[in-house]
Amino acid sequence: MKKMIIISFIIILIILLIAPFASTFPDGLEKVAELFNFSDSSKNIISPLIPDYSIPIIKNELFSTFFAGIIGIILTYLLIVLFSKIIKNKF
């Protein structure tokens, strides 16, 4: 448990240090959507959880990106734990 807390703090520190350098250019999926003209937001079936890698209610762009990264890490971790428990129970 102590090791996991230390790793979590290291990851948070890394995010805090690299978040200001996040590119404003579209990522690969967004670029393809623009190329094939299906990136129009009115065509979205559901709204994204974290649009443009930011939290809309946080006005400071740096903190918004930082917290979006933290939320992404937490959700990814929870999904990995969930799937590993499902796979462990099946085998």
Protein backbone atom coordinates (compact mmCIF):
# COMPACT_ATOMS: atom_id res chain seq x y z
CA MET A 1 0.00 0.00 0.00
CA LYS A 2 2.83 2.41 0.89
CA LYS A 3 4.53 1.66 -2.42
CA MET A 4 1.31 2.44 -4.32
CA ILE A 5 0.94 5.81 -2.54
CA ILE A 6 4.52 6.76 -3.41
CA ILE A 7 4.01 5.78 -7.05
CA SER A 8 0.76 7.78 -7.14
CA PHE A 9 2.53 10.90 -5.86
CA ILE A 10 5.30 10.46 -8.44
CA ILE A 11 2.71 10.19 -11.22
CA ILE A 12 0.89 13.29 -9.96
CA LEU A 13 4.19 15.20 -9.88
CA ILE A 14 5.00 14.12 -13.43
CA ILE A 15 1.56 15.25 -14.62
CA LEU A 16 1.99 18.58 -12.88
CA LEU A 17 5.36 19.08 -14.58
CA ILE A 18 4.33 18.10 -18.12
CA ALA A 19 0.75 19.45 -18.22
CA PRO A 20 1.85 22.96 -19.26
CA PHE A 21 3.49 21.46 -22.35
CA ALA A 22 0.35 19.69 -23.61
CA SER A 23 -0.19 20.31 -27.29
CA THR A 24 -3.12 22.41 -28.45
CA PHE A 25 -3.11 20.58 -31.77
CA PRO A 26 -5.66 17.79 -32.30
CA ASP A 27 -4.61 14.24 -31.49
CA GLY A 28 -4.67 11.50 -34.13
CA LEU A 29 -8.32 10.56 -33.70
CA GLU A 30 -9.45 14.19 -33.81
CA LYS A 31 -7.35 14.81 -36.94
CA VAL A 32 -8.94 11.85 -38.74
CA ALA A 33 -12.40 13.05 -37.66
CA GLU A 34 -11.63 16.46 -39.14
CA LEU A 35 -10.29 14.92 -42.36
CA PHE A 36 -13.44 12.87 -42.89
CA ASN A 37 -15.80 15.63 -41.71
CA PHE A 38 -17.37 13.81 -38.79
CA SER A 39 -15.88 15.94 -36.03
CA ASP A 40 -18.91 18.25 -35.83
CA SER A 41 -20.00 18.33 -32.18
CA SER A 42 -23.68 18.36 -33.16
CA LYS A 43 -23.23 14.79 -34.41
CA ASN A 44 -22.01 13.52 -31.02
CA ILE A 45 -24.31 10.92 -29.53
CA ILE A 46 -22.97 11.51 -26.01
CA SER A 47 -20.95 14.34 -24.59
CA PRO A 48 -17.38 13.48 -23.64
CA LEU A 49 -16.51 13.00 -19.99
CA ILE A 50 -13.47 15.28 -20.23
CA PRO A 51 -13.78 17.46 -23.36
CA ASP A 52 -10.45 18.58 -24.86
CA TYR A 53 -8.53 17.14 -21.88
CA SER A 54 -9.87 19.79 -19.50
CA ILE A 55 -12.54 20.26 -16.84
CA PRO A 56 -15.00 22.95 -18.04
CA ILE A 57 -15.86 24.22 -14.54
CA ILE A 58 -12.19 24.99 -13.75
CA LYS A 59 -11.22 28.29 -15.40
CA ASN A 60 -7.44 28.01 -14.94
CA GLU A 61 -6.19 26.07 -17.96
CA LEU A 62 -3.19 24.56 -16.16
CA PHE A 63 -5.23 23.23 -13.22
CA SER A 64 -8.01 22.11 -15.56
CA THR A 65 -5.56 20.00 -17.58
CA PHE A 66 -3.92 18.73 -14.39
CA PHE A 67 -7.19 17.54 -12.85
CA ALA A 68 -8.32 16.04 -16.16
CA GLY A 69 -5.11 13.99 -16.15
CA ILE A 70 -5.66 12.88 -12.56
CA ILE A 71 -9.25 11.84 -13.35
CA GLY A 72 -8.01 9.94 -16.41
CA ILE A 73 -5.41 8.09 -14.36
CA ILE A 74 -7.93 7.18 -11.65
CA LEU A 75 -10.50 5.94 -14.18
CA THR A 76 -7.88 3.93 -16.05
CA TYR A 77 -6.64 2.38 -12.79
CA LEU A 78 -10.19 1.48 -11.74
CA LEU A 79 -10.89 -0.12 -15.12
CA ILE A 80 -7.68 -2.16 -14.93
CA VAL A 81 -8.56 -3.36 -11.42
CA LEU A 82 -12.12 -4.22 -12.51
CA PHE A 83 -11.01 -6.15 -15.60
CA SER A 84 -8.24 -7.96 -13.73
CA LYS A 85 -10.75 -9.14 -11.13
CA ILE A 86 -13.12 -10.32 -13.87
CA ILE A 87 -10.33 -12.18 -15.66
CA LYS A 88 -9.00 -13.65 -12.40
CA ASN A 89 -12.46 -15.02 -11.53
CA LYS A 90 -12.87 -16.59 -14.99
CA PHE A 91 -9.58 -18.51 -14.94
